[in-house]
C-alpha atoms as a PDB file:
ATOM      1  CA  UNK A   1     -60.325  13.994  67.330  1.00  0.00           C
ATOM      2  CA  UNK A   2     -57.440  11.736  66.429  1.00  0.00           C
ATOM      3  CA  UNK A   3     -57.792  12.335  62.708  1.00  0.00           C
ATOM      4  CA  UNK A   4     -54.437  14.078  62.450  1.00  0.00           C
ATOM      5  CA  UNK A   5     -52.709  11.096  64.059  1.00  0.00           C
ATOM      6  CA  UNK A   6     -54.211   8.529  61.712  1.00  0.00           C
ATOM      7  CA  UNK A   7     -54.304  10.604  58.544  1.00  0.00           C
ATOM      8  CA  UNK A   8     -51.762  13.470  58.249  1.00  0.00           C
ATOM      9  CA  UNK A   9     -53.919  15.324  55.710  1.00  0.00           C
ATOM     10  CA  UNK A  10     -57.156  15.117  57.706  1.00  0.00           C
ATOM     11  CA  UNK A  11     -58.687  18.589  57.630  1.00  0.00           C
ATOM     12  CA  UNK A  12     -56.892  19.643  54.429  1.00  0.00           C
ATOM     13  CA  UNK A  13     -60.229  21.192  53.411  1.00  0.00           C
ATOM     14  CA  UNK A  14     -63.000  22.293  55.783  1.00  0.00           C
ATOM     15  CA  UNK A  15     -66.295  24.061  55.127  1.00  0.00           C
ATOM     16  CA  UNK A  16     -69.256  25.002  57.303  1.00  0.00           C
ATOM     17  CA  UNK A  17     -72.883  25.989  56.812  1.00  0.00           C
ATOM     18  CA  UNK A  18     -75.155  26.496  59.790  1.00  0.00           C
ATOM     19  CA  UNK A  19     -74.646  23.647  62.241  1.00  0.00           C
ATOM     20  CA  UNK A  20     -73.003  21.334  59.686  1.00  0.00           C
ATOM     21  CA  UNK A  21     -69.331  21.037  58.772  1.00  0.00           C
ATOM     22  CA  UNK A  22     -67.516  18.870  56.248  1.00  0.00           C
ATOM     23  CA  UNK A  23     -63.894  17.801  56.653  1.00  0.00           C
ATOM     24  CA  UNK A  24     -61.832  16.195  53.901  1.00  0.00           C
ATOM     25  CA  UNK A  25     -59.482  13.378  54.852  1.00  0.00           C
ATOM     26  CA  UNK A  26     -57.352  13.328  51.716  1.00  0.00           C
ATOM     27  CA  UNK A  27     -55.308  10.177  52.284  1.00  0.00           C
ATOM     28  CA  UNK A  28     -58.312   8.242  53.556  1.00  0.00           C
ATOM     29  CA  UNK A  29     -60.390   9.074  50.455  1.00  0.00           C
ATOM     30  CA  UNK A  30     -63.156  10.259  52.732  1.00  0.00           C
ATOM     31  CA  UNK A  31     -65.222  13.251  53.799  1.00  0.00           C
ATOM     32  CA  UNK A  32     -66.538  13.499  57.350  1.00  0.00           C
ATOM     33  CA  UNK A  33     -69.748  15.371  58.179  1.00  0.00           C
ATOM     34  CA  UNK A  34     -70.076  16.854  61.667  1.00  0.00           C
ATOM     35  CA  UNK A  35     -73.058  18.511  63.327  1.00  0.00           C
ATOM     36  CA  UNK A  36     -72.856  20.981  66.170  1.00  0.00           C
ATOM     37  CA  UNK A  37     -74.644  19.773  69.278  1.00  0.00           C
ATOM     38  CA  UNK A  38     -74.511  22.194  72.181  1.00  0.00           C
ATOM     39  CA  UNK A  39     -70.892  23.212  72.691  1.00  0.00           C
ATOM     40  CA  UNK A  40     -69.490  20.237  70.808  1.00  0.00           C
ATOM     41  CA  UNK A  41     -69.543  18.486  67.458  1.00  0.00           C
ATOM     42  CA  UNK A  42     -70.554  14.922  66.606  1.00  0.00           C
ATOM     43  CA  UNK A  43     -69.877  12.892  63.489  1.00  0.00           C
ATOM     44  CA  UNK A  44     -73.128  12.263  61.616  1.00  0.00           C
ATOM     45  CA  UNK A  45     -71.876  10.827  58.330  1.00  0.00           C
ATOM     46  CA  UNK A  46     -68.768   9.685  56.508  1.00  0.00           C
ATOM     47  CA  UNK A  47     -68.449   9.408  52.741  1.00  0.00           C
ATOM     48  CA  UNK A  48     -65.942   6.836  51.523  1.00  0.00           C
ATOM     49  CA  UNK A  49     -64.860   7.752  47.998  1.00  0.00           C
ATOM     50  CA  UNK A  50     -62.988   6.082  45.155  1.00  0.00           C
ATOM     51  CA  UNK A  51     -60.651   9.074  44.851  1.00  0.00           C
ATOM     52  CA  UNK A  52     -58.646  11.558  46.911  1.00  0.00           C
ATOM     53  CA  UNK A  53     -60.969  14.061  48.624  1.00  0.00           C
ATOM     54  CA  UNK A  54     -58.992  17.201  47.860  1.00  0.00           C
ATOM     55  CA  UNK A  55     -61.643  19.804  48.699  1.00  0.00           C
ATOM     56  CA  UNK A  56     -65.163  19.806  50.124  1.00  0.00           C
ATOM     57  CA  UNK A  57     -67.957  22.384  50.191  1.00  0.00           C
ATOM     58  CA  UNK A  58     -71.296  22.233  51.998  1.00  0.00           C
ATOM     59  CA  UNK A  59     -74.465  24.311  51.643  1.00  0.00           C
ATOM     60  CA  UNK A  60     -77.658  23.261  53.351  1.00  0.00           C
ATOM     61  CA  UNK A  61     -78.097  19.574  52.563  1.00  0.00           C
ATOM     62  CA  UNK A  62     -75.790  19.625  49.545  1.00  0.00           C
ATOM     63  CA  UNK A  63     -72.173  18.495  49.562  1.00  0.00           C
ATOM     64  CA  UNK A  64     -69.592  18.995  46.808  1.00  0.00           C
ATOM     65  CA  UNK A  65     -66.266  17.147  46.725  1.00  0.00           C
ATOM     66  CA  UNK A  66     -63.327  17.919  44.431  1.00  0.00           C
ATOM     67  CA  UNK A  67     -61.252  14.798  43.673  1.00  0.00           C
ATOM     68  CA  UNK A  68     -57.565  14.947  42.897  1.00  0.00           C
ATOM     69  CA  UNK A  69     -55.355  12.529  40.982  1.00  0.00           C
ATOM     70  CA  UNK A  70     -51.926  12.847  42.618  1.00  0.00           C
ATOM     71  CA  UNK A  71     -50.199  10.569  40.119  1.00  0.00           C
ATOM     72  CA  UNK A  72     -51.210  12.632  37.081  1.00  0.00           C
ATOM     73  CA  UNK A  73     -51.504  15.908  39.046  1.00  0.00           C
ATOM     74  CA  UNK A  74     -54.994  16.747  37.771  1.00  0.00           C
ATOM     75  CA  UNK A  75     -58.330  17.609  39.364  1.00  0.00           C
ATOM     76  CA  UNK A  76     -61.310  15.401  38.642  1.00  0.00           C
ATOM     77  CA  UNK A  77     -64.886  16.434  37.999  1.00  0.00           C
ATOM     78  CA  UNK A  78     -66.788  17.879  40.955  1.00  0.00           C
ATOM     79  CA  UNK A  79     -68.888  15.240  42.739  1.00  0.00           C
ATOM     80  CA  UNK A  80     -72.229  16.361  44.194  1.00  0.00           C
ATOM     81  CA  UNK A  81     -74.231  14.724  46.974  1.00  0.00           C
ATOM     82  CA  UNK A  82     -77.472  15.479  48.802  1.00  0.00           C
ATOM     83  CA  UNK A  83     -78.630  14.466  52.259  1.00  0.00           C
ATOM     84  CA  UNK A  84     -81.420  11.892  52.118  1.00  0.00           C
ATOM     85  CA  UNK A  85     -83.696  12.005  55.177  1.00  0.00           C
ATOM     86  CA  UNK A  86     -84.977   8.481  54.527  1.00  0.00           C
ATOM     87  CA  UNK A  87     -81.605   6.721  54.618  1.00  0.00           C
ATOM     88  CA  UNK A  88     -80.109   9.385  56.921  1.00  0.00           C
ATOM     89  CA  UNK A  89     -76.936   9.967  54.900  1.00  0.00           C
ATOM     90  CA  UNK A  90     -75.527  11.742  51.842  1.00  0.00           C
ATOM     91  CA  UNK A  91     -76.188  10.118  48.466  1.00  0.00           C
ATOM     92  CA  UNK A  92     -75.340  11.009  44.856  1.00  0.00           C
ATOM     93  CA  UNK A  93     -77.186  14.075  43.604  1.00  0.00           C
ATOM     94  CA  UNK A  94     -76.221  13.983  39.914  1.00  0.00           C
ATOM     95  CA  UNK A  95     -73.484  13.227  37.417  1.00  0.00           C
ATOM     96  CA  UNK A  96     -70.156  14.964  38.146  1.00  0.00           C
ATOM     97  CA  UNK A  97     -69.641  18.512  36.839  1.00  0.00           C
ATOM     98  CA  UNK A  98     -66.321  19.471  35.188  1.00  0.00           C
ATOM     99  CA  UNK A  99     -64.488  21.883  37.475  1.00  0.00           C
ATOM    100  CA  UNK A 100     -60.771  22.106  38.033  1.00  0.00           C
ATOM    101  CA  UNK A 101     -60.448  25.524  39.586  1.00  0.00           C
ATOM    102  CA  UNK A 102     -62.329  27.743  42.007  1.00  0.00           C
ATOM    103  CA  UNK A 103     -65.828  26.898  43.165  1.00  0.00           C
ATOM    104  CA  UNK A 104     -68.715  28.503  45.043  1.00  0.00           C
ATOM    105  CA  UNK A 105     -71.637  26.458  46.364  1.00  0.00           C
ATOM    106  CA  UNK A 106     -74.929  27.757  47.745  1.00  0.00           C
ATOM    107  CA  UNK A 107     -78.337  26.115  48.064  1.00  0.00           C
ATOM    108  CA  UNK A 108     -79.414  27.671  44.742  1.00  0.00           C
ATOM    109  CA  UNK A 109     -76.184  28.154  42.796  1.00  0.00           C
ATOM    110  CA  UNK A 110     -73.002  26.334  41.890  1.00  0.00           C
ATOM    111  CA  UNK A 111     -70.277  28.449  40.286  1.00  0.00           C
ATOM    112  CA  UNK A 112     -67.102  26.911  38.890  1.00  0.00           C
ATOM    113  CA  UNK A 113     -64.139  27.975  36.820  1.00  0.00           C
ATOM    114  CA  UNK A 114     -62.321  25.580  34.573  1.00  0.00           C
ATOM    115  CA  UNK A 115     -59.882  25.396  31.701  1.00  0.00           C
ATOM    116  CA  UNK A 116     -60.975  22.969  29.028  1.00  0.00           C
ATOM    117  CA  UNK A 117     -59.065  24.210  25.986  1.00  0.00           C
ATOM    118  CA  UNK A 118     -55.558  22.950  25.344  1.00  0.00           C
ATOM    119  CA  UNK A 119     -54.415  26.087  23.540  1.00  0.00           C
ATOM    120  CA  UNK A 120     -54.048  29.670  24.702  1.00  0.00           C
ATOM    121  CA  UNK A 121     -52.436  31.317  27.686  1.00  0.00           C
ATOM    122  CA  UNK A 122     -55.609  32.005  29.657  1.00  0.00           C
ATOM    123  CA  UNK A 123     -55.854  30.674  33.190  1.00  0.00           C
ATOM    124  CA  UNK A 124     -59.513  29.785  32.710  1.00  0.00           C
ATOM    125  CA  UNK A 125     -62.005  29.364  29.887  1.00  0.00           C
ATOM    126  CA  UNK A 126     -64.459  31.323  31.987  1.00  0.00           C
ATOM    127  CA  UNK A 127     -66.986  31.070  34.779  1.00  0.00           C
ATOM    128  CA  UNK A 128     -69.784  28.519  34.597  1.00  0.00           C
ATOM    129  CA  UNK A 129     -72.933  29.301  36.596  1.00  0.00           C
ATOM    130  CA  UNK A 130     -75.346  26.492  37.497  1.00  0.00           C
ATOM    131  CA  UNK A 131     -78.617  26.833  39.382  1.00  0.00           C
ATOM    132  CA  UNK A 132     -81.631  24.861  40.563  1.00  0.00           C
ATOM    133  CA  UNK A 133     -85.098  25.486  41.984  1.00  0.00           C
ATOM    134  CA  UNK A 134     -85.041  23.037  44.902  1.00  0.00           C
ATOM    135  CA  UNK A 135     -82.321  21.450  47.014  1.00  0.00           C
ATOM    136  CA  UNK A 136     -83.437  18.014  45.852  1.00  0.00           C
ATOM    137  CA  UNK A 137     -82.939  19.002  42.198  1.00  0.00           C
ATOM    138  CA  UNK A 138     -79.787  18.591  40.137  1.00  0.00           C
ATOM    139  CA  UNK A 139     -77.859  21.698  39.085  1.00  0.00           C
ATOM    140  CA  UNK A 140     -78.205  22.736  35.436  1.00  0.00           C
ATOM    141  CA  UNK A 141     -76.063  25.185  33.492  1.00  0.00           C
ATOM    142  CA  UNK A 142     -77.599  28.655  33.611  1.00  0.00           C
ATOM    143  CA  UNK A 143     -74.911  30.811  32.079  1.00  0.00           C
ATOM    144  CA  UNK A 144     -71.309  30.883  30.901  1.00  0.00           C
ATOM    145  CA  UNK A 145     -69.156  33.994  31.294  1.00  0.00           C
ATOM    146  CA  UNK A 146     -66.474  33.627  28.628  1.00  0.00           C
ATOM    147  CA  UNK A 147     -62.988  34.728  29.616  1.00  0.00           C
ATOM    148  CA  UNK A 148     -62.249  35.727  25.987  1.00  0.00           C
ATOM    149  CA  UNK A 149     -64.757  38.557  26.428  1.00  0.00           C
ATOM    150  CA  UNK A 150     -62.711  40.012  29.285  1.00  0.00           C
ATOM    151  CA  UNK A 151     -59.098  39.167  30.155  1.00  0.00           C
ATOM    152  CA  UNK A 152     -56.870  36.090  30.248  1.00  0.00           C
ATOM    153  CA  UNK A 153     -56.934  36.135  34.068  1.00  0.00           C
ATOM    154  CA  UNK A 154     -60.730  36.453  34.233  1.00  0.00           C
ATOM    155  CA  UNK A 155     -62.191  33.888  36.622  1.00  0.00           C
ATOM    156  CA  UNK A 156     -58.970  33.112  38.453  1.00  0.00           C
ATOM    157  CA  UNK A 157     -60.737  34.039  41.710  1.00  0.00           C
ATOM    158  CA  UNK A 158     -64.372  34.755  42.493  1.00  0.00           C
ATOM    159  CA  UNK A 159     -66.925  34.841  45.286  1.00  0.00           C
ATOM    160  CA  UNK A 160     -70.684  35.088  45.555  1.00  0.00           C
ATOM    161  CA  UNK A 161     -73.123  36.739  47.940  1.00  0.00           C
ATOM    162  CA  UNK A 162     -76.821  36.055  47.329  1.00  0.00           C
ATOM    163  CA  UNK A 163     -77.415  37.034  43.668  1.00  0.00           C
ATOM    164  CA  UNK A 164     -74.225  39.038  43.163  1.00  0.00           C
ATOM    165  CA  UNK A 165     -71.133  37.424  41.688  1.00  0.00           C
ATOM    166  CA  UNK A 166     -67.716  39.052  42.172  1.00  0.00           C
ATOM    167  CA  UNK A 167     -65.077  37.974  39.648  1.00  0.00           C
ATOM    168  CA  UNK A 168     -61.385  38.750  39.431  1.00  0.00           C
ATOM    169  CA  UNK A 169     -61.166  40.454  36.057  1.00  0.00           C
ATOM    170  CA  UNK A 170     -57.370  40.523  35.960  1.00  0.00           C
ATOM    171  CA  UNK A 171     -54.917  43.359  36.474  1.00  0.00           C
ATOM    172  CA  UNK A 172     -56.434  44.378  39.841  1.00  0.00           C
ATOM    173  CA  UNK A 173     -59.940  44.746  38.413  1.00  0.00           C
ATOM    174  CA  UNK A 174     -62.859  43.377  40.404  1.00  0.00           C
ATOM    175  CA  UNK A 175     -65.987  42.804  38.283  1.00  0.00           C
ATOM    176  CA  UNK A 176     -69.534  42.564  39.660  1.00  0.00           C
ATOM    177  CA  UNK A 177     -72.290  40.601  37.946  1.00  0.00           C
ATOM    178  CA  UNK A 178     -75.902  40.819  39.114  1.00  0.00           C
ATOM    179  CA  UNK A 179     -78.621  38.270  38.424  1.00  0.00           C
ATOM    180  CA  UNK A 180     -81.750  39.952  36.994  1.00  0.00           C
ATOM    181  CA  UNK A 181     -82.730  37.406  35.636  1.00  0.00           C
ATOM    182  CA  UNK A 182     -79.323  36.355  34.309  1.00  0.00           C
ATOM    183  CA  UNK A 183     -75.864  37.407  35.406  1.00  0.00           C
ATOM    184  CA  UNK A 184     -75.039  40.649  33.604  1.00  0.00           C
ATOM    185  CA  UNK A 185     -72.013  42.876  34.027  1.00  0.00           C
ATOM    186  CA  UNK A 186     -72.905  45.505  36.607  1.00  0.00           C
ATOM    187  CA  UNK A 187     -69.784  47.445  37.531  1.00  0.00           C
ATOM    188  CA  UNK A 188     -66.057  47.153  38.155  1.00  0.00           C
ATOM    189  CA  UNK A 189     -63.461  48.598  40.470  1.00  0.00           C
ATOM    190  CA  UNK A 190     -59.687  48.864  40.314  1.00  0.00           C
ATOM    191  CA  UNK A 191     -58.550  47.321  43.594  1.00  0.00           C
ATOM    192  CA  UNK A 192     -55.752  45.090  44.811  1.00  0.00           C
ATOM    193  CA  UNK A 193     -58.107  42.410  46.129  1.00  0.00           C
ATOM    194  CA  UNK A 194     -61.788  41.809  46.753  1.00  0.00           C
ATOM    195  CA  UNK A 195     -63.749  39.928  49.383  1.00  0.00           C
ATOM    196  CA  UNK A 196     -67.411  39.031  49.200  1.00  0.00           C
ATOM    197  CA  UNK A 197     -69.064  37.824  52.375  1.00  0.00           C
ATOM    198  CA  UNK A 198     -72.345  37.722  54.208  1.00  0.00           C
ATOM    199  CA  UNK A 199     -73.113  41.073  55.929  1.00  0.00           C
END
């Protein structure tokens, strides 16, 4: 409460998982962590950052924050944190991961889309899939789905549910990739939009 009075862009990004929620306070360079207690919520942690907290994602005890450089109008690398039971707060999990577009975070997977090449008209170089075995572990690159193999708009939007990845393939095509043991093209559908959510 009161965040909107002190910081006009408090709550610019919000994410929830279970009884935890993260709230980005962009102009304060901070991310607040709240935990549901009964019918209310209490602040349990606050990350003060050296950059604008443009977007935040939370999954289990893992937090991802997307920084934004307003002066140069560019997104910074994705910062990852894990909750440490000993110190009772979020600490650095690993080195930042390049990601300047859409992201999906789960306890096992991190999926990002980014454009690293300076040439070409594609919106994204492709979809980068990271995974890990334990929530204490760092994410490592598992697979890269190259946009040049599909369409220039491939990876503009995507979502994930368990081990199935849904990717916008461009021109109203929704592409499904299943993980057995890697993400392989499974099927596609010509639709105007797609939504992937928990059943």
